[in-house]
């Protein structure tokens, strides 16, 4: 088993580590990540990477927007303001 198979936090760490040099690999890691499996304090980092990698680097703003919506659902009743900001940016660009 490699580090990327160790669960959602490890997948997020791996995506963060490779996103600039290997955006397609980072995108694949993000696509396989369930935000409900992350601690709430890791959601802002995921929200940023969804827009940065899927939207900015891969041009998949529609997908980034869909994944931001799933992230907001996973965040519970009171998502942090930063999550709303990232979701709004993806919605605007989609």
PDB file of N, CA and C in Angstrom:
ATOM      1  N   UNK A   1       0.853  -1.187   0.000  1.00  0.00           N
ATOM      2  CA  UNK A   1       0.000   0.000   0.000  1.00  0.00           C
ATOM      3  C   UNK A   1       0.893   1.243   0.000  1.00  0.00           C
ATOM      4  N   UNK A   2       0.558   2.191  -0.862  1.00  0.00           N
ATOM      5  CA  UNK A   2       1.351   3.418  -0.860  1.00  0.00           C
ATOM      6  C   UNK A   2       0.648   4.498  -0.059  1.00  0.00           C
ATOM      7  N   UNK A   3       1.342   5.591   0.146  1.00  0.00           N
ATOM      8  CA  UNK A   3       0.820   6.669   0.992  1.00  0.00           C
ATOM      9  C   UNK A   3      -0.526   7.193   0.505  1.00  0.00           C
ATOM     10  N   UNK A   4      -0.741   7.216  -0.807  1.00  0.00           N
ATOM     11  CA  UNK A   4      -1.985   7.736  -1.361  1.00  0.00           C
ATOM     12  C   UNK A   4      -3.182   6.854  -1.020  1.00  0.00           C
ATOM     13  N   UNK A   5      -2.937   5.600  -0.630  1.00  0.00           N
ATOM     14  CA  UNK A   5      -4.016   4.688  -0.287  1.00  0.00           C
ATOM     15  C   UNK A   5      -4.347   4.702   1.199  1.00  0.00           C
ATOM     16  N   UNK A   6      -3.714   5.573   1.966  1.00  0.00           N
ATOM     17  CA  UNK A   6      -3.885   5.590   3.412  1.00  0.00           C
ATOM     18  C   UNK A   6      -5.086   6.395   3.876  1.00  0.00           C
ATOM     19  N   UNK A   7      -5.981   6.758   2.999  1.00  0.00           N
ATOM     20  CA  UNK A   7      -7.170   7.496   3.389  1.00  0.00           C
ATOM     21  C   UNK A   7      -7.182   8.908   2.849  1.00  0.00           C
ATOM     22  N   UNK A   8      -8.292   9.582   3.124  1.00  0.00           N
ATOM     23  CA  UNK A   8      -8.516  10.920   2.579  1.00  0.00           C
ATOM     24  C   UNK A   8      -7.437  11.929   2.981  1.00  0.00           C
ATOM     25  N   UNK A   9      -7.024  11.999   4.247  1.00  0.00           N
ATOM     26  CA  UNK A   9      -5.975  12.973   4.582  1.00  0.00           C
ATOM     27  C   UNK A   9      -4.675  12.735   3.813  1.00  0.00           C
ATOM     28  N   UNK A  10      -4.299  11.480   3.643  1.00  0.00           N
ATOM     29  CA  UNK A  10      -3.072  11.171   2.900  1.00  0.00           C
ATOM     30  C   UNK A  10      -3.225  11.522   1.423  1.00  0.00           C
ATOM     31  N   UNK A  11      -4.402  11.291   0.859  1.00  0.00           N
ATOM     32  CA  UNK A  11      -4.640  11.654  -0.544  1.00  0.00           C
ATOM     33  C   UNK A  11      -4.555  13.171  -0.716  1.00  0.00           C
ATOM     34  N   UNK A  12      -5.125  13.908   0.234  1.00  0.00           N
ATOM     35  CA  UNK A  12      -5.059  15.367   0.165  1.00  0.00           C
ATOM     36  C   UNK A  12      -3.609  15.837   0.269  1.00  0.00           C
ATOM     37  N   UNK A  13      -2.849  15.247   1.175  1.00  0.00           N
ATOM     38  CA  UNK A  13      -1.426  15.596   1.308  1.00  0.00           C
ATOM     39  C   UNK A  13      -0.670  15.316   0.009  1.00  0.00           C
ATOM     40  N   UNK A  14      -0.957  14.173  -0.606  1.00  0.00           N
ATOM     41  CA  UNK A  14      -0.279  13.811  -1.853  1.00  0.00           C
ATOM     42  C   UNK A  14      -0.649  14.783  -2.975  1.00  0.00           C
ATOM     43  N   UNK A  15      -1.922  15.163  -3.050  1.00  0.00           N
ATOM     44  CA  UNK A  15      -2.354  16.127  -4.070  1.00  0.00           C
ATOM     45  C   UNK A  15      -1.680  17.475  -3.851  1.00  0.00           C
ATOM     46  N   UNK A  16      -1.596  17.890  -2.604  1.00  0.00           N
ATOM     47  CA  UNK A  16      -0.932  19.161  -2.283  1.00  0.00           C
ATOM     48  C   UNK A  16       0.533  19.117  -2.704  1.00  0.00           C
ATOM     49  N   UNK A  17       1.179  17.999  -2.448  1.00  0.00           N
ATOM     50  CA  UNK A  17       2.609  17.884  -2.733  1.00  0.00           C
ATOM     51  C   UNK A  17       2.927  17.899  -4.229  1.00  0.00           C
ATOM     52  N   UNK A  18       2.023  17.385  -5.057  1.00  0.00           N
ATOM     53  CA  UNK A  18       2.352  17.234  -6.480  1.00  0.00           C
ATOM     54  C   UNK A  18       1.600  18.187  -7.403  1.00  0.00           C
ATOM     55  N   UNK A  19       0.703  19.014  -6.872  1.00  0.00           N
ATOM     56  CA  UNK A  19      -0.211  19.751  -7.752  1.00  0.00           C
ATOM     57  C   UNK A  19       0.466  20.711  -8.723  1.00  0.00           C
ATOM     58  N   UNK A  20       1.579  21.303  -8.374  1.00  0.00           N
ATOM     59  CA  UNK A  20       2.239  22.230  -9.297  1.00  0.00           C
ATOM     60  C   UNK A  20       2.993  21.498 -10.407  1.00  0.00           C
ATOM     61  N   UNK A  21       3.682  20.431 -10.057  1.00  0.00           N
ATOM     62  CA  UNK A  21       4.489  19.700 -11.038  1.00  0.00           C
ATOM     63  C   UNK A  21       3.695  18.656 -11.814  1.00  0.00           C
ATOM     64  N   UNK A  22       2.664  18.093 -11.183  1.00  0.00           N
ATOM     65  CA  UNK A  22       1.866  17.033 -11.805  1.00  0.00           C
ATOM     66  C   UNK A  22       0.374  17.301 -11.599  1.00  0.00           C
ATOM     67  N   UNK A  23      -0.169  18.326 -12.252  1.00  0.00           N
ATOM     68  CA  UNK A  23      -1.567  18.675 -12.007  1.00  0.00           C
ATOM     69  C   UNK A  23      -2.559  17.565 -12.357  1.00  0.00           C
ATOM     70  N   UNK A  24      -2.277  16.768 -13.380  1.00  0.00           N
ATOM     71  CA  UNK A  24      -3.208  15.684 -13.732  1.00  0.00           C
ATOM     72  C   UNK A  24      -3.231  14.614 -12.644  1.00  0.00           C
ATOM     73  N   UNK A  25      -2.079  14.322 -12.071  1.00  0.00           N
ATOM     74  CA  UNK A  25      -2.025  13.363 -10.957  1.00  0.00           C
ATOM     75  C   UNK A  25      -2.767  13.928  -9.754  1.00  0.00           C
ATOM     76  N   UNK A  26      -2.549  15.201  -9.464  1.00  0.00           N
ATOM     77  CA  UNK A  26      -3.254  15.838  -8.350  1.00  0.00           C
ATOM     78  C   UNK A  26      -4.755  15.815  -8.592  1.00  0.00           C
ATOM     79  N   UNK A  27      -5.176  16.075  -9.828  1.00  0.00           N
ATOM     80  CA  UNK A  27      -6.601  16.048 -10.154  1.00  0.00           C
ATOM     81  C   UNK A  27      -7.180  14.660  -9.913  1.00  0.00           C
ATOM     82  N   UNK A  28      -6.461  13.622 -10.303  1.00  0.00           N
ATOM     83  CA  UNK A  28      -6.936  12.256 -10.077  1.00  0.00           C
ATOM     84  C   UNK A  28      -7.063  11.963  -8.584  1.00  0.00           C
ATOM     85  N   UNK A  29      -6.107  12.420  -7.804  1.00  0.00           N
ATOM     86  CA  UNK A  29      -6.180  12.233  -6.353  1.00  0.00           C
ATOM     87  C   UNK A  29      -7.395  12.957  -5.777  1.00  0.00           C
ATOM     88  N   UNK A  30      -7.629  14.179  -6.230  1.00  0.00           N
ATOM     89  CA  UNK A  30      -8.769  14.953  -5.731  1.00  0.00           C
ATOM     90  C   UNK A  30     -10.091  14.316  -6.140  1.00  0.00           C
ATOM     91  N   UNK A  31     -10.148  13.770  -7.340  1.00  0.00           N
ATOM     92  CA  UNK A  31     -11.382  13.125  -7.811  1.00  0.00           C
ATOM     93  C   UNK A  31     -11.715  11.890  -6.988  1.00  0.00           C
ATOM     94  N   UNK A  32     -10.713  11.242  -6.433  1.00  0.00           N
ATOM     95  CA  UNK A  32     -10.934  10.048  -5.632  1.00  0.00           C
ATOM     96  C   UNK A  32     -11.112  10.321  -4.152  1.00  0.00           C
ATOM     97  N   UNK A  33     -11.213  11.573  -3.792  1.00  0.00           N
ATOM     98  CA  UNK A  33     -11.274  11.960  -2.387  1.00  0.00           C
ATOM     99  C   UNK A  33     -12.709  12.292  -1.976  1.00  0.00           C
ATOM    100  N   UNK A  34     -13.165  11.691  -0.902  1.00  0.00           N
ATOM    101  CA  UNK A  34     -14.489  11.977  -0.339  1.00  0.00           C
ATOM    102  C   UNK A  34     -14.313  13.014   0.765  1.00  0.00           C
ATOM    103  N   UNK A  35     -14.845  14.232   0.579  1.00  0.00           N
ATOM    104  CA  UNK A  35     -14.642  15.270   1.596  1.00  0.00           C
ATOM    105  C   UNK A  35     -15.226  14.904   2.955  1.00  0.00           C
ATOM    106  N   UNK A  36     -16.211  14.036   2.984  1.00  0.00           N
ATOM    107  CA  UNK A  36     -16.800  13.617   4.256  1.00  0.00           C
ATOM    108  C   UNK A  36     -15.814  12.801   5.093  1.00  0.00           C
ATOM    109  N   UNK A  37     -14.757  12.311   4.469  1.00  0.00           N
ATOM    110  CA  UNK A  37     -13.755  11.521   5.181  1.00  0.00           C
ATOM    111  C   UNK A  37     -12.609  12.365   5.737  1.00  0.00           C
ATOM    112  N   UNK A  38     -12.686  13.671   5.537  1.00  0.00           N
ATOM    113  CA  UNK A  38     -11.643  14.571   6.042  1.00  0.00           C
ATOM    114  C   UNK A  38     -12.088  15.243   7.331  1.00  0.00           C
ATOM    115  N   UNK A  39     -11.144  15.538   8.224  1.00  0.00           N
ATOM    116  CA  UNK A  39     -11.475  16.382   9.372  1.00  0.00           C
ATOM    117  C   UNK A  39     -11.884  17.771   8.869  1.00  0.00           C
ATOM    118  N   UNK A  40     -12.773  18.428   9.571  1.00  0.00           N
ATOM    119  CA  UNK A  40     -13.288  19.735   9.154  1.00  0.00           C
ATOM    120  C   UNK A  40     -12.158  20.740   8.938  1.00  0.00           C
ATOM    121  N   UNK A  41     -11.110  20.667   9.736  1.00  0.00           N
ATOM    122  CA  UNK A  41     -10.028  21.642   9.582  1.00  0.00           C
ATOM    123  C   UNK A  41      -9.216  21.448   8.302  1.00  0.00           C
ATOM    124  N   UNK A  42      -9.414  20.343   7.590  1.00  0.00           N
ATOM    125  CA  UNK A  42      -8.722  20.105   6.316  1.00  0.00           C
ATOM    126  C   UNK A  42      -9.556  20.545   5.112  1.00  0.00           C
ATOM    127  N   UNK A  43     -10.828  20.877   5.329  1.00  0.00           N
ATOM    128  CA  UNK A  43     -11.702  21.245   4.215  1.00  0.00           C
ATOM    129  C   UNK A  43     -11.271  22.517   3.482  1.00  0.00           C
ATOM    130  N   UNK A  44     -10.782  23.559   4.169  1.00  0.00           N
ATOM    131  CA  UNK A  44     -10.330  24.737   3.415  1.00  0.00           C
ATOM    132  C   UNK A  44      -9.198  24.427   2.427  1.00  0.00           C
ATOM    133  N   UNK A  45      -8.286  23.571   2.810  1.00  0.00           N
ATOM    134  CA  UNK A  45      -7.211  23.185   1.896  1.00  0.00           C
ATOM    135  C   UNK A  45      -7.737  22.437   0.687  1.00  0.00           C
ATOM    136  N   UNK A  46      -8.709  21.566   0.915  1.00  0.00           N
ATOM    137  CA  UNK A  46      -9.339  20.860  -0.197  1.00  0.00           C
ATOM    138  C   UNK A  46     -10.070  21.837  -1.102  1.00  0.00           C
ATOM    139  N   UNK A  47     -10.808  22.765  -0.514  1.00  0.00           N
ATOM    140  CA  UNK A  47     -11.555  23.744  -1.314  1.00  0.00           C
ATOM    141  C   UNK A  47     -10.608  24.534  -2.216  1.00  0.00           C
ATOM    142  N   UNK A  48      -9.491  24.961  -1.670  1.00  0.00           N
ATOM    143  CA  UNK A  48      -8.504  25.686  -2.472  1.00  0.00           C
ATOM    144  C   UNK A  48      -7.989  24.823  -3.620  1.00  0.00           C
ATOM    145  N   UNK A  49      -7.593  23.584  -3.314  1.00  0.00           N
ATOM    146  CA  UNK A  49      -7.021  22.725  -4.350  1.00  0.00           C
ATOM    147  C   UNK A  49      -8.032  22.381  -5.436  1.00  0.00           C
ATOM    148  N   UNK A  50      -9.291  22.220  -5.077  1.00  0.00           N
ATOM    149  CA  UNK A  50     -10.300  21.930  -6.098  1.00  0.00           C
ATOM    150  C   UNK A  50     -10.323  23.031  -7.150  1.00  0.00           C
ATOM    151  N   UNK A  51     -10.336  24.273  -6.707  1.00  0.00           N
ATOM    152  CA  UNK A  51     -10.352  25.383  -7.664  1.00  0.00           C
ATOM    153  C   UNK A  51      -9.011  25.538  -8.376  1.00  0.00           C
ATOM    154  N   UNK A  52      -7.941  25.459  -7.627  1.00  0.00           N
ATOM    155  CA  UNK A  52      -6.612  25.679  -8.201  1.00  0.00           C
ATOM    156  C   UNK A  52      -6.255  24.595  -9.219  1.00  0.00           C
ATOM    157  N   UNK A  53      -6.499  23.341  -8.862  1.00  0.00           N
ATOM    158  CA  UNK A  53      -6.103  22.238  -9.739  1.00  0.00           C
ATOM    159  C   UNK A  53      -7.156  21.981 -10.814  1.00  0.00           C
ATOM    160  N   UNK A  54      -8.385  21.653 -10.387  1.00  0.00           N
ATOM    161  CA  UNK A  54      -9.403  21.312 -11.381  1.00  0.00           C
ATOM    162  C   UNK A  54      -9.775  22.515 -12.240  1.00  0.00           C
ATOM    163  N   UNK A  55      -9.971  23.660 -11.600  1.00  0.00           N
ATOM    164  CA  UNK A  55     -10.387  24.844 -12.336  1.00  0.00           C
ATOM    165  C   UNK A  55      -9.260  25.517 -13.084  1.00  0.00           C
ATOM    166  N   UNK A  56      -8.288  26.040 -12.347  1.00  0.00           N
ATOM    167  CA  UNK A  56      -7.231  26.847 -12.964  1.00  0.00           C
ATOM    168  C   UNK A  56      -6.273  26.032 -13.823  1.00  0.00           C
ATOM    169  N   UNK A  57      -5.820  24.899 -13.320  1.00  0.00           N
ATOM    170  CA  UNK A  57      -4.802  24.136 -14.045  1.00  0.00           C
ATOM    171  C   UNK A  57      -5.394  23.230 -15.122  1.00  0.00           C
ATOM    172  N   UNK A  58      -6.573  22.632 -14.848  1.00  0.00           N
ATOM    173  CA  UNK A  58      -7.153  21.670 -15.793  1.00  0.00           C
ATOM    174  C   UNK A  58      -8.310  22.250 -16.605  1.00  0.00           C
ATOM    175  N   UNK A  59      -8.767  23.439 -16.262  1.00  0.00           N
ATOM    176  CA  UNK A  59      -9.865  24.056 -17.001  1.00  0.00           C
ATOM    177  C   UNK A  59     -11.214  23.403 -16.789  1.00  0.00           C
ATOM    178  N   UNK A  60     -11.361  22.646 -15.711  1.00  0.00           N
ATOM    179  CA  UNK A  60     -12.601  21.916 -15.429  1.00  0.00           C
ATOM    180  C   UNK A  60     -13.392  22.631 -14.334  1.00  0.00           C
ATOM    181  N   UNK A  61     -13.801  23.864 -14.621  1.00  0.00           N
ATOM    182  CA  UNK A  61     -14.507  24.657 -13.614  1.00  0.00           C
ATOM    183  C   UNK A  61     -15.858  24.061 -13.246  1.00  0.00           C
ATOM    184  N   UNK A  62     -16.546  23.442 -14.188  1.00  0.00           N
ATOM    185  CA  UNK A  62     -17.823  22.805 -13.872  1.00  0.00           C
ATOM    186  C   UNK A  62     -17.645  21.694 -12.849  1.00  0.00           C
ATOM    187  N   UNK A  63     -16.619  20.895 -13.037  1.00  0.00           N
ATOM    188  CA  UNK A  63     -16.325  19.832 -12.081  1.00  0.00           C
ATOM    189  C   UNK A  63     -15.907  20.412 -10.735  1.00  0.00           C
ATOM    190  N   UNK A  64     -15.092  21.450 -10.756  1.00  0.00           N
ATOM    191  CA  UNK A  64     -14.695  22.090  -9.500  1.00  0.00           C
ATOM    192  C   UNK A  64     -15.928  22.576  -8.752  1.00  0.00           C
ATOM    193  N   UNK A  65     -16.859  23.172  -9.474  1.00  0.00           N
ATOM    194  CA  UNK A  65     -18.097  23.664  -8.858  1.00  0.00           C
ATOM    195  C   UNK A  65     -18.901  22.517  -8.240  1.00  0.00           C
ATOM    196  N   UNK A  66     -19.047  21.412  -8.950  1.00  0.00           N
ATOM    197  CA  UNK A  66     -19.774  20.252  -8.416  1.00  0.00           C
ATOM    198  C   UNK A  66     -19.101  19.720  -7.155  1.00  0.00           C
ATOM    199  N   UNK A  67     -17.800  19.648  -7.174  1.00  0.00           N
ATOM    200  CA  UNK A  67     -17.074  19.125  -6.012  1.00  0.00           C
ATOM    201  C   UNK A  67     -17.102  20.108  -4.841  1.00  0.00           C
ATOM    202  N   UNK A  68     -17.147  21.399  -5.128  1.00  0.00           N
ATOM    203  CA  UNK A  68     -17.302  22.390  -4.053  1.00  0.00           C
ATOM    204  C   UNK A  68     -18.662  22.213  -3.379  1.00  0.00           C
ATOM    205  N   UNK A  69     -19.701  21.924  -4.153  1.00  0.00           N
ATOM    206  CA  UNK A  69     -21.030  21.705  -3.574  1.00  0.00           C
ATOM    207  C   UNK A  69     -21.014  20.492  -2.646  1.00  0.00           C
ATOM    208  N   UNK A  70     -20.346  19.423  -3.057  1.00  0.00           N
ATOM    209  CA  UNK A  70     -20.232  18.236  -2.203  1.00  0.00           C
ATOM    210  C   UNK A  70     -19.444  18.554  -0.939  1.00  0.00           C
ATOM    211  N   UNK A  71     -18.422  19.369  -1.072  1.00  0.00           N
ATOM    212  CA  UNK A  71     -17.622  19.770   0.081  1.00  0.00           C
ATOM    213  C   UNK A  71     -18.476  20.569   1.070  1.00  0.00           C
ATOM    214  N   UNK A  72     -19.295  21.482   0.569  1.00  0.00           N
ATOM    215  CA  UNK A  72     -20.178  22.253   1.458  1.00  0.00           C
ATOM    216  C   UNK A  72     -21.142  21.334   2.200  1.00  0.00           C
ATOM    217  N   UNK A  73     -21.660  20.325   1.517  1.00  0.00           N
ATOM    218  CA  UNK A  73     -22.552  19.364   2.194  1.00  0.00           C
ATOM    219  C   UNK A  73     -21.802  18.618   3.293  1.00  0.00           C
ATOM    220  N   UNK A  74     -20.560  18.265   3.033  1.00  0.00           N
ATOM    221  CA  UNK A  74     -19.759  17.534   4.015  1.00  0.00           C
ATOM    222  C   UNK A  74     -19.375  18.408   5.200  1.00  0.00           C
ATOM    223  N   UNK A  75     -19.379  19.725   5.013  1.00  0.00           N
ATOM    224  CA  UNK A  75     -18.946  20.648   6.068  1.00  0.00           C
ATOM    225  C   UNK A  75     -19.966  20.801   7.184  1.00  0.00           C
ATOM    226  N   UNK A  76     -21.178  20.344   6.973  1.00  0.00           N
ATOM    227  CA  UNK A  76     -22.180  20.414   8.030  1.00  0.00           C
ATOM    228  C   UNK A  76     -23.038  21.656   7.961  1.00  0.00           C
ATOM    229  N   UNK A  77     -23.651  21.982   9.099  1.00  0.00           N
ATOM    230  CA  UNK A  77     -24.644  23.055   9.156  1.00  0.00           C
ATOM    231  C   UNK A  77     -24.069  24.454   8.985  1.00  0.00           C
ATOM    232  N   UNK A  78     -22.833  24.664   9.390  1.00  0.00           N
ATOM    233  CA  UNK A  78     -22.251  26.008   9.336  1.00  0.00           C
ATOM    234  C   UNK A  78     -20.867  25.970   8.695  1.00  0.00           C
ATOM    235  N   UNK A  79     -20.824  25.843   7.362  1.00  0.00           N
ATOM    236  CA  UNK A  79     -19.515  25.836   6.700  1.00  0.00           C
ATOM    237  C   UNK A  79     -18.773  27.154   6.922  1.00  0.00           C
ATOM    238  N   UNK A  80     -17.476  27.067   7.021  1.00  0.00           N
ATOM    239  CA  UNK A  80     -16.641  28.263   7.189  1.00  0.00           C
ATOM    240  C   UNK A  80     -16.804  29.187   5.986  1.00  0.00           C
ATOM    241  N   UNK A  81     -16.639  30.471   6.222  1.00  0.00           N
ATOM    242  CA  UNK A  81     -16.801  31.471   5.162  1.00  0.00           C
ATOM    243  C   UNK A  81     -15.866  31.208   3.982  1.00  0.00           C
ATOM    244  N   UNK A  82     -14.669  30.732   4.254  1.00  0.00           N
ATOM    245  CA  UNK A  82     -13.725  30.447   3.178  1.00  0.00           C
ATOM    246  C   UNK A  82     -14.217  29.373   2.227  1.00  0.00           C
ATOM    247  N   UNK A  83     -14.991  28.432   2.753  1.00  0.00           N
ATOM    248  CA  UNK A  83     -15.553  27.393   1.891  1.00  0.00           C
ATOM    249  C   UNK A  83     -16.586  27.988   0.949  1.00  0.00           C
ATOM    250  N   UNK A  84     -17.403  28.893   1.466  1.00  0.00           N
ATOM    251  CA  UNK A  84     -18.395  29.567   0.622  1.00  0.00           C
ATOM    252  C   UNK A  84     -17.701  30.393  -0.457  1.00  0.00           C
ATOM    253  N   UNK A  85     -16.606  31.045  -0.095  1.00  0.00           N
ATOM    254  CA  UNK A  85     -15.872  31.870  -1.060  1.00  0.00           C
ATOM    255  C   UNK A  85     -15.335  31.023  -2.202  1.00  0.00           C
ATOM    256  N   UNK A  86     -14.743  29.882  -1.876  1.00  0.00           N
ATOM    257  CA  UNK A  86     -14.216  28.999  -2.924  1.00  0.00           C
ATOM    258  C   UNK A  86     -15.350  28.451  -3.790  1.00  0.00           C
ATOM    259  N   UNK A  87     -16.469  28.093  -3.158  1.00  0.00           N
ATOM    260  CA  UNK A  87     -17.613  27.581  -3.921  1.00  0.00           C
ATOM    261  C   UNK A  87     -18.163  28.651  -4.857  1.00  0.00           C
ATOM    262  N   UNK A  88     -18.240  29.883  -4.375  1.00  0.00           N
ATOM    263  CA  UNK A  88     -18.746  30.977  -5.208  1.00  0.00           C
ATOM    264  C   UNK A  88     -17.809  31.247  -6.385  1.00  0.00           C
ATOM    265  N   UNK A  89     -16.519  31.176  -6.146  1.00  0.00           N
ATOM    266  CA  UNK A  89     -15.559  31.392  -7.235  1.00  0.00           C
ATOM    267  C   UNK A  89     -15.708  30.316  -8.307  1.00  0.00           C
ATOM    268  N   UNK A  90     -15.882  29.069  -7.880  1.00  0.00           N
ATOM    269  CA  UNK A  90     -16.062  27.981  -8.846  1.00  0.00           C
ATOM    270  C   UNK A  90     -17.366  28.146  -9.611  1.00  0.00           C
ATOM    271  N   UNK A  91     -18.422  28.546  -8.908  1.00  0.00           N
ATOM    272  CA  UNK A  91     -19.720  28.743  -9.565  1.00  0.00           C
ATOM    273  C   UNK A  91     -19.624  29.852 -10.607  1.00  0.00           C
ATOM    274  N   UNK A  92     -18.942  30.901 -10.277  1.00  0.00           N
ATOM    275  CA  UNK A  92     -18.803  32.042 -11.193  1.00  0.00           C
ATOM    276  C   UNK A  92     -18.006  31.657 -12.437  1.00  0.00           C
ATOM    277  N   UNK A  93     -16.972  30.848 -12.252  1.00  0.00           N
ATOM    278  CA  UNK A  93     -16.110  30.476 -13.370  1.00  0.00           C
ATOM    279  C   UNK A  93     -16.679  29.333 -14.214  1.00  0.00           C
ATOM    280  N   UNK A  94     -17.600  28.571 -13.637  1.00  0.00           N
ATOM    281  CA  UNK A  94     -18.157  27.395 -14.345  1.00  0.00           C
ATOM    282  C   UNK A  94     -18.990  27.794 -15.548  1.00  0.00           C
TER     283      UNK A  94
END
